[in-house]
Amino acid sequence: MFGALVIAAKDLRQRFRDRSALILGFVAPVAVAALMSFAFSGVESFHANIALVDNDRGQIASALRGALTGPELSDVLTIREASDDAAARRMVDDGDAGAGLIIPAGFSAAAVGDRPIGLRVLGDPDEPLQAQVARAVADAYVAQLNADRLAVHTALAAGVPESRGAELAAAVAKLQSPESVQAQPTGYRQLRTASYYAPAMGIMFVLFAIGFTARSYFAEQRTGTLERIGAAPLTRGVVLLGKSLAAFVYSVVSLSTLAIVSSLAFGAEWGPPVPAFALILAMSAVLVALTALVVATARTERQAEGLATIVTFVLLLLGGNFVLLSQAPETLRRLALLTPNGWALRGFTDLATGAGATSAIVPVLVMLGMAAVLGAIAAIVGRGRLT
């Protein structure tokens, strides 16, 4: 065991003296995570700019304008007044508004009568979500008006004197439809892109260490270093163990550094320190097992480099390192659970959104199980070569 520690220390000294290893392990993950976070930061929040045209100027139209400009919707909507339909269309076409909402003339009169009522929505093909929001607001308001009218007419049909129609309308106007949605706290935070892409990019770059360590092993074999080590009372299995320990420490230090820097620099949430560090340790253990499997399977330095590249990019593509798994197709979300990095990202995502520390238990156990299985396979495959 002492020999493995000596070899691990030697490999770590070489790695930390290598500028490319420092860039891949520490500089690049922070830089790429920051770029990814800034590039996708727009998905964290939504705000719609809606051009409003009031061709009615009636009481019901004024109530609608008041609802749209009220404090309840101020975080979601910005209403921009337009003089007429053409002005609203120009605002949408010029990008000054993402959608337009037109209150037609006679809207208030229709709302208290028997005629059909409706609102017009102008949409921008480049801002479909804003048009959907405007349409949803219009549909909700018209549905509420129709419910109010139905309640009043039902009461009048049941025998309430028509002289009390205004009183009924005022009472009904204070009601809300049974299916109306109200915001309620859930106890969970919204997932920020920085909180997802910081661990995703960190895991991506530490996976590149598989190829680095495998190439190092075969390079030492090619240059005769392993033969000289063989003169000592050390087996090649001990050599591989030492190199695996070096990869483990490198991965832990890289991910831990990224967690600290990304949290301080751009507010990434990695969760409570203990479960987050457990996820880092488990992912690093899988990295060691994958490295051992590549070394045990390959016969040459070139084969090791090719296998490491294939393993790394298959895991990255399936594990969700390049795309938010919550927005990915169902098939990709299922395939991600077959990868260790997919489980690691699941654990970090749960912690980042406010889940309890126990939410990391299953991902950690699954990754440790994967590490054990991969390590056992590597031991069986390489038994004849590493003795």
Protein backbone atom coordinates (compact mmCIF):
# COMPACT_ATOMS: atom_id res chain seq x y z
CA MET A 1 0.00 0.00 0.00
CA PHE A 2 2.89 2.34 0.77
CA GLY A 3 4.21 1.79 -2.74
CA ALA A 4 0.84 2.78 -4.22
CA LEU A 5 0.84 5.98 -2.14
CA VAL A 6 4.35 6.83 -3.35
CA ILE A 7 3.31 6.32 -6.96
CA ALA A 8 0.15 8.39 -6.41
CA ALA A 9 2.18 11.23 -4.92
CA LYS A 10 4.60 11.09 -7.86
CA ASP A 11 1.74 11.21 -10.39
CA LEU A 12 0.08 14.11 -8.59
CA ARG A 13 3.32 16.09 -8.59
CA GLN A 14 3.68 15.50 -12.32
CA ARG A 15 0.05 16.39 -12.96
CA PHE A 16 0.07 19.62 -11.00
CA ARG A 17 3.28 20.66 -12.76
CA ASP A 18 1.57 20.10 -16.10
CA ARG A 19 -0.14 23.30 -17.23
CA SER A 20 -2.57 21.43 -19.46
CA ALA A 21 -3.72 19.34 -16.50
CA LEU A 22 -4.21 22.47 -14.41
CA ILE A 23 -6.20 24.12 -17.18
CA LEU A 24 -8.39 21.06 -17.76
CA GLY A 25 -8.92 20.44 -14.07
CA PHE A 26 -9.39 23.93 -12.69
CA VAL A 27 -9.43 26.81 -15.19
CA ALA A 28 -11.53 25.34 -18.00
CA PRO A 29 -14.38 24.01 -15.81
CA VAL A 30 -14.88 27.40 -14.17
CA ALA A 31 -14.71 29.26 -17.50
CA VAL A 32 -17.03 26.91 -19.38
CA ALA A 33 -19.50 26.67 -16.50
CA ALA A 34 -19.64 30.48 -16.37
CA LEU A 35 -20.22 30.70 -20.13
CA MET A 36 -22.94 28.05 -20.06
CA SER A 37 -24.62 29.74 -17.12
CA PHE A 38 -24.64 33.14 -18.81
CA ALA A 39 -25.77 31.66 -22.14
CA PHE A 40 -28.78 29.92 -20.59
CA SER A 41 -29.55 32.42 -17.84
CA GLY A 42 -32.63 33.60 -19.76
CA VAL A 43 -34.48 30.38 -18.94
CA GLU A 44 -34.39 31.13 -15.22
CA SER A 45 -36.94 33.93 -15.37
CA PHE A 46 -39.63 35.13 -17.73
CA HIS A 47 -41.00 38.59 -18.40
CA ALA A 48 -43.44 39.53 -21.16
CA ASN A 49 -43.85 42.94 -22.78
CA ILE A 50 -47.44 43.30 -24.03
CA ALA A 51 -48.79 46.16 -26.12
CA LEU A 52 -52.32 46.99 -24.92
CA VAL A 53 -54.92 48.72 -27.09
CA ASP A 54 -58.15 49.86 -25.43
CA ASN A 55 -60.71 50.54 -28.14
CA ASP A 56 -63.56 50.24 -25.65
CA ARG A 57 -62.79 52.68 -22.81
CA GLY A 58 -65.58 51.11 -20.78
CA GLN A 59 -65.72 50.02 -17.17
CA ILE A 60 -64.94 46.35 -17.85
CA ALA A 61 -62.01 47.32 -20.09
CA SER A 62 -60.65 49.61 -17.37
CA ALA A 63 -60.89 46.74 -14.88
CA LEU A 64 -58.91 44.53 -17.25
CA ARG A 65 -56.23 47.19 -17.65
CA GLY A 66 -56.04 47.55 -13.88
CA ALA A 67 -55.64 43.80 -13.44
CA LEU A 68 -52.85 43.66 -16.01
CA THR A 69 -50.93 46.55 -14.47
CA GLY A 70 -51.48 45.48 -10.87
CA PRO A 71 -48.72 44.38 -8.50
CA GLU A 72 -49.68 40.71 -8.80
CA LEU A 73 -48.44 40.58 -12.41
CA SER A 74 -45.70 43.20 -12.26
CA ASP A 75 -42.95 40.56 -12.10
CA VAL A 76 -44.29 38.81 -15.19
CA LEU A 77 -45.89 41.49 -17.39
CA THR A 78 -45.00 44.96 -18.56
CA ILE A 79 -47.93 46.68 -20.26
CA ARG A 80 -47.14 49.20 -22.98
CA GLU A 81 -50.07 51.39 -24.05
CA ALA A 82 -50.71 51.63 -27.81
CA SER A 83 -53.02 54.17 -29.44
CA ASP A 84 -54.59 51.79 -31.98
CA ASP A 85 -54.27 48.37 -33.58
CA ALA A 86 -51.68 49.51 -36.12
CA ALA A 87 -49.49 51.01 -33.39
CA ALA A 88 -49.62 47.75 -31.44
CA ARG A 89 -48.66 45.79 -34.55
CA ARG A 90 -45.69 48.10 -35.14
CA MET A 91 -44.54 47.64 -31.55
CA VAL A 92 -44.67 43.86 -31.97
CA ASP A 93 -42.93 43.95 -35.35
CA ASP A 94 -40.19 46.28 -34.07
CA GLY A 95 -39.54 44.12 -31.02
CA ASP A 96 -40.75 46.73 -28.52
CA ALA A 97 -43.40 44.23 -27.38
CA GLY A 98 -43.49 40.47 -27.55
CA ALA A 99 -47.27 40.34 -28.02
CA GLY A 100 -50.27 42.59 -28.34
CA LEU A 101 -53.65 42.51 -26.58
CA ILE A 102 -56.54 44.40 -28.19
CA ILE A 103 -59.75 45.22 -26.32
CA PRO A 104 -62.39 45.69 -29.04
CA ALA A 105 -64.98 48.46 -29.02
CA GLY A 106 -68.18 47.39 -27.26
CA PHE A 107 -66.36 44.93 -25.00
CA SER A 108 -67.87 46.32 -21.79
CA ALA A 109 -71.37 46.42 -23.23
CA ALA A 110 -71.08 42.83 -24.45
CA ALA A 111 -69.78 41.72 -21.06
CA VAL A 112 -73.01 42.77 -19.31
CA GLY A 113 -75.30 41.65 -22.13
CA ASP A 114 -75.96 38.49 -24.03
CA ARG A 115 -73.56 39.01 -26.90
CA PRO A 116 -70.34 36.98 -27.23
CA ILE A 117 -67.25 38.71 -25.91
CA GLY A 118 -63.62 38.24 -26.81
CA LEU A 119 -60.16 39.80 -26.94
CA ARG A 120 -57.70 39.84 -29.82
CA VAL A 121 -54.08 38.77 -29.40
CA LEU A 122 -51.20 39.78 -31.68
CA GLY A 123 -48.24 37.41 -31.68
CA ASP A 124 -44.60 37.66 -32.72
CA PRO A 125 -43.25 34.45 -34.35
CA ASP A 126 -39.91 35.12 -32.64
CA GLU A 127 -41.55 35.35 -29.20
CA PRO A 128 -44.14 32.54 -29.15
CA LEU A 129 -44.06 32.23 -25.37
CA GLN A 130 -45.06 35.86 -24.85
CA ALA A 131 -47.98 35.41 -27.26
CA GLN A 132 -49.06 32.33 -25.32
CA VAL A 133 -48.96 34.31 -22.08
CA ALA A 134 -51.07 37.09 -23.60
CA ARG A 135 -53.55 34.54 -24.93
CA ALA A 136 -53.73 32.81 -21.56
CA VAL A 137 -54.42 36.12 -19.82
CA ALA A 138 -57.15 36.96 -22.33
CA ASP A 139 -58.75 33.52 -22.05
CA ALA A 140 -58.68 33.63 -18.25
CA TYR A 141 -60.27 37.08 -18.08
CA VAL A 142 -62.98 36.24 -20.60
CA ALA A 143 -63.69 32.95 -18.80
CA GLN A 144 -64.13 34.83 -15.53
CA LEU A 145 -66.50 37.32 -17.21
CA ASN A 146 -68.54 34.51 -18.72
CA ALA A 147 -68.74 32.82 -15.32
CA ASP A 148 -69.94 36.09 -13.77
CA ARG A 149 -72.57 36.54 -16.48
CA LEU A 150 -73.77 32.97 -16.09
CA ALA A 151 -74.10 33.40 -12.33
CA VAL A 152 -76.11 36.61 -12.70
CA HIS A 153 -78.45 35.20 -15.36
CA THR A 154 -78.94 32.01 -13.34
CA ALA A 155 -79.93 34.04 -10.29
CA LEU A 156 -82.35 36.16 -12.32
CA ALA A 157 -83.86 33.07 -13.92
CA ALA A 158 -84.35 31.60 -10.44
CA GLY A 159 -86.59 34.50 -9.49
CA VAL A 160 -84.31 37.23 -8.17
CA PRO A 161 -85.84 40.61 -9.12
CA GLU A 162 -84.18 42.34 -12.05
CA SER A 163 -83.88 45.44 -9.91
CA ARG A 164 -81.15 43.61 -7.99
CA GLY A 165 -79.17 42.85 -11.14
CA ALA A 166 -76.51 45.47 -10.41
CA GLU A 167 -76.19 44.19 -6.84
CA LEU A 168 -75.76 40.64 -8.09
CA ALA A 169 -73.19 41.68 -10.67
CA ALA A 170 -71.16 43.51 -8.02
CA ALA A 171 -71.24 40.47 -5.72
CA VAL A 172 -70.31 38.06 -8.49
CA ALA A 173 -67.44 40.26 -9.65
CA LYS A 174 -65.70 39.60 -6.33
CA LEU A 175 -65.72 35.84 -6.89
CA GLN A 176 -63.10 33.74 -8.68
CA SER A 177 -63.53 30.72 -10.90
CA PRO A 178 -63.04 27.42 -9.04
CA GLU A 179 -60.10 26.49 -11.28
CA SER A 180 -58.15 29.70 -10.74
CA VAL A 181 -54.48 29.23 -9.87
CA GLN A 182 -52.86 30.81 -6.85
CA ALA A 183 -49.15 30.90 -6.08
CA GLN A 184 -48.19 28.91 -3.01
CA PRO A 185 -44.68 28.30 -1.61
CA THR A 186 -43.37 24.77 -2.14
CA GLY A 187 -40.27 24.92 0.02
CA TYR A 188 -38.04 24.31 -3.01
CA ARG A 189 -35.86 26.74 -4.93
CA GLN A 190 -35.86 27.24 -8.66
CA LEU A 191 -32.90 25.54 -10.31
CA ARG A 192 -30.47 28.14 -11.59
CA THR A 193 -28.45 27.35 -14.71
CA ALA A 194 -25.24 28.02 -12.80
CA SER A 195 -26.23 25.39 -10.25
CA TYR A 196 -26.65 22.81 -13.02
CA TYR A 197 -23.80 23.59 -15.38
CA ALA A 198 -21.14 24.12 -12.71
CA PRO A 199 -21.16 20.42 -11.63
CA ALA A 200 -21.97 19.31 -15.19
CA MET A 201 -18.88 20.99 -16.64
CA GLY A 202 -16.74 19.94 -13.68
CA ILE A 203 -17.70 16.31 -14.20
CA MET A 204 -17.05 16.64 -17.92
CA PHE A 205 -13.48 17.80 -17.43
CA VAL A 206 -12.61 15.27 -14.73
CA LEU A 207 -13.80 12.52 -17.08
CA PHE A 208 -11.02 13.63 -19.41
CA ALA A 209 -8.64 12.45 -16.67
CA ILE A 210 -9.47 8.87 -17.72
CA GLY A 211 -7.51 9.34 -20.92
CA PHE A 212 -4.76 11.28 -19.17
CA THR A 213 -4.14 8.55 -16.60
CA ALA A 214 -4.41 5.71 -19.12
CA ARG A 215 -1.93 7.39 -21.47
CA SER A 216 0.41 7.96 -18.55
CA TYR A 217 0.38 4.25 -17.70
CA PHE A 218 1.20 3.11 -21.22
CA ALA A 219 3.75 5.90 -21.70
CA GLU A 220 5.64 4.63 -18.66
CA GLN A 221 5.35 1.14 -20.04
CA ARG A 222 6.75 2.30 -23.39
CA THR A 223 9.66 4.19 -21.84
CA GLY A 224 10.60 1.30 -19.55
CA THR A 225 9.58 2.98 -16.32
CA LEU A 226 7.33 0.08 -15.40
CA GLU A 227 10.18 -2.35 -16.01
CA ARG A 228 12.37 -0.44 -13.58
CA ILE A 229 9.54 -0.39 -11.05
CA GLY A 230 9.24 -4.13 -11.56
CA ALA A 231 12.74 -4.50 -10.14
CA ALA A 232 11.30 -3.29 -6.86
CA PRO A 233 8.97 -5.48 -4.78
CA LEU A 234 5.94 -3.93 -6.51
CA THR A 235 3.48 -5.54 -8.88
CA ARG A 236 1.91 -3.70 -11.78
CA GLY A 237 -1.34 -3.92 -9.89
CA VAL A 238 0.18 -1.71 -7.21
CA VAL A 239 1.30 0.69 -9.94
CA LEU A 240 -2.21 0.88 -11.33
CA LEU A 241 -3.61 1.37 -7.82
CA GLY A 242 -1.24 4.27 -7.26
CA LYS A 243 -2.23 5.89 -10.53
CA SER A 244 -5.90 5.35 -9.72
CA LEU A 245 -5.43 7.03 -6.34
CA ALA A 246 -3.82 9.98 -8.12
CA ALA A 247 -6.82 10.21 -10.46
CA PHE A 248 -9.16 10.04 -7.46
CA VAL A 249 -7.41 12.87 -5.61
CA TYR A 250 -7.20 14.95 -8.78
CA SER A 251 -10.93 14.54 -9.38
CA VAL A 252 -11.87 15.35 -5.77
CA VAL A 253 -9.68 18.45 -5.67
CA SER A 254 -10.89 19.63 -9.09
CA LEU A 255 -14.60 19.27 -8.30
CA SER A 256 -14.23 20.69 -4.79
CA THR A 257 -12.35 23.71 -6.10
CA LEU A 258 -14.98 24.26 -8.77
CA ALA A 259 -17.74 24.02 -6.15
CA ILE A 260 -16.12 26.71 -4.02
CA VAL A 261 -15.19 29.04 -6.88
CA SER A 262 -18.51 28.75 -8.73
CA SER A 263 -20.47 29.30 -5.52
CA LEU A 264 -18.55 32.47 -4.70
CA ALA A 265 -18.15 33.79 -8.26
CA PHE A 266 -21.57 33.32 -9.81
CA GLY A 267 -23.83 31.94 -7.10
CA ALA A 268 -23.98 28.27 -8.06
CA GLU A 269 -25.80 26.11 -5.52
CA TRP A 270 -24.16 22.74 -4.80
CA GLY A 271 -26.23 22.01 -1.71
CA PRO A 272 -25.10 21.36 1.86
CA PRO A 273 -21.34 20.61 2.05
CA VAL A 274 -21.55 17.06 3.44
CA PRO A 275 -23.93 15.48 0.88
CA ALA A 276 -22.35 17.50 -1.95
CA PHE A 277 -18.90 16.23 -0.97
CA ALA A 278 -20.27 12.68 -0.76
CA LEU A 279 -21.45 13.02 -4.37
CA ILE A 280 -18.01 14.29 -5.37
CA LEU A 281 -16.31 11.33 -3.67
CA ALA A 282 -18.69 8.83 -5.29
CA MET A 283 -18.19 10.34 -8.75
CA SER A 284 -14.42 10.27 -8.24
CA ALA A 285 -14.61 6.60 -7.25
CA VAL A 286 -16.39 5.84 -10.53
CA LEU A 287 -13.67 7.75 -12.36
CA VAL A 288 -11.05 5.47 -10.80
CA ALA A 289 -12.97 2.35 -11.81
CA LEU A 290 -13.40 3.60 -15.38
CA THR A 291 -9.71 4.41 -15.60
CA ALA A 292 -8.78 0.93 -14.40
CA LEU A 293 -11.15 -0.64 -16.92
CA VAL A 294 -9.65 1.33 -19.81
CA VAL A 295 -6.11 0.42 -18.79
CA ALA A 296 -7.03 -3.24 -18.30
CA THR A 297 -8.81 -3.42 -21.67
CA ALA A 298 -6.37 -1.51 -23.88
CA ARG A 299 -3.13 -2.97 -25.22
CA THR A 300 -1.41 0.18 -26.43
CA GLU A 301 -1.33 3.87 -25.63
CA ARG A 302 -3.35 4.65 -28.75
CA GLN A 303 -6.01 2.10 -27.86
CA ALA A 304 -6.24 3.53 -24.35
CA GLU A 305 -6.69 7.05 -25.72
CA GLY A 306 -9.39 5.88 -28.15
CA LEU A 307 -11.29 3.89 -25.51
CA ALA A 308 -11.10 6.76 -23.02
CA THR A 309 -12.47 9.19 -25.62
CA ILE A 310 -15.36 6.89 -26.49
CA VAL A 311 -16.24 6.24 -22.85
CA THR A 312 -16.04 9.94 -21.96
CA PHE A 313 -18.23 11.23 -24.75
CA VAL A 314 -20.81 8.46 -24.48
CA LEU A 315 -21.20 9.27 -20.79
CA LEU A 316 -21.38 13.00 -21.47
CA LEU A 317 -24.00 12.64 -24.20
CA LEU A 318 -26.20 10.22 -22.26
CA GLY A 319 -25.68 11.73 -18.81
CA GLY A 320 -27.07 15.17 -19.59
CA ASN A 321 -23.92 17.26 -19.17
CA PHE A 322 -24.76 19.38 -22.21
CA VAL A 323 -28.49 19.86 -21.72
CA LEU A 324 -30.77 20.32 -18.73
CA LEU A 325 -32.24 16.89 -18.08
CA SER A 326 -35.52 18.45 -16.93
CA GLN A 327 -35.96 19.81 -20.45
CA ALA A 328 -34.68 16.70 -22.24
CA PRO A 329 -36.88 14.04 -23.87
CA GLU A 330 -38.11 11.25 -21.64
CA THR A 331 -35.83 8.73 -23.38
CA LEU A 332 -32.72 10.74 -22.55
CA ARG A 333 -33.82 11.18 -18.95
CA ARG A 334 -34.12 7.41 -18.62
CA LEU A 335 -30.77 6.76 -20.32
CA ALA A 336 -29.09 9.25 -17.97
CA LEU A 337 -29.87 6.93 -15.07
CA LEU A 338 -27.61 4.34 -16.66
CA THR A 339 -24.61 6.65 -16.28
CA PRO A 340 -22.74 7.70 -13.13
CA ASN A 341 -22.61 11.34 -14.21
CA GLY A 342 -26.38 11.28 -14.75
CA TRP A 343 -26.87 10.15 -11.16
CA ALA A 344 -24.36 12.71 -9.91
CA LEU A 345 -26.21 15.52 -11.70
CA ARG A 346 -29.49 14.24 -10.32
CA GLY A 347 -28.07 14.43 -6.81
CA PHE A 348 -26.60 17.91 -7.30
CA THR A 349 -29.86 19.13 -8.86
CA ASP A 350 -31.92 17.87 -5.93
CA LEU A 351 -29.60 19.52 -3.43
CA ALA A 352 -29.50 22.77 -5.42
CA THR A 353 -33.29 23.04 -5.41
CA GLY A 354 -33.56 22.66 -1.66
CA ALA A 355 -34.09 18.93 -1.17
CA GLY A 356 -32.85 17.43 2.07
CA ALA A 357 -29.41 15.95 2.51
CA THR A 358 -30.91 12.45 2.37
CA SER A 359 -31.75 13.01 -1.30
CA ALA A 360 -28.07 12.36 -2.09
CA ILE A 361 -28.11 8.89 -0.51
CA VAL A 362 -29.52 7.01 -3.51
CA PRO A 363 -27.26 8.70 -6.11
CA VAL A 364 -24.20 8.07 -3.93
CA LEU A 365 -25.09 4.41 -3.40
CA VAL A 366 -25.80 3.88 -7.10
CA MET A 367 -22.49 5.46 -8.12
CA LEU A 368 -20.56 3.43 -5.56
CA GLY A 369 -22.29 0.32 -6.87
CA MET A 370 -21.27 1.24 -10.42
CA ALA A 371 -17.70 1.82 -9.24
CA ALA A 372 -17.64 -1.60 -7.57
CA VAL A 373 -18.99 -3.39 -10.66
CA LEU A 374 -16.64 -1.58 -13.05
CA GLY A 375 -13.70 -2.19 -10.74
CA ALA A 376 -14.50 -5.90 -10.52
CA ILE A 377 -14.70 -6.14 -14.31
CA ALA A 378 -11.38 -4.32 -14.64
CA ALA A 379 -9.78 -6.71 -12.15
CA ILE A 380 -11.06 -9.77 -14.05
CA VAL A 381 -10.08 -8.44 -17.48
CA GLY A 382 -6.65 -7.27 -16.43
CA ARG A 383 -5.75 -10.09 -14.04
CA GLY A 384 -3.41 -11.74 -16.48
CA ARG A 385 -1.73 -8.50 -17.50
CA LEU A 386 -1.25 -6.83 -14.13
CA THR A 387 0.41 -9.69 -12.25
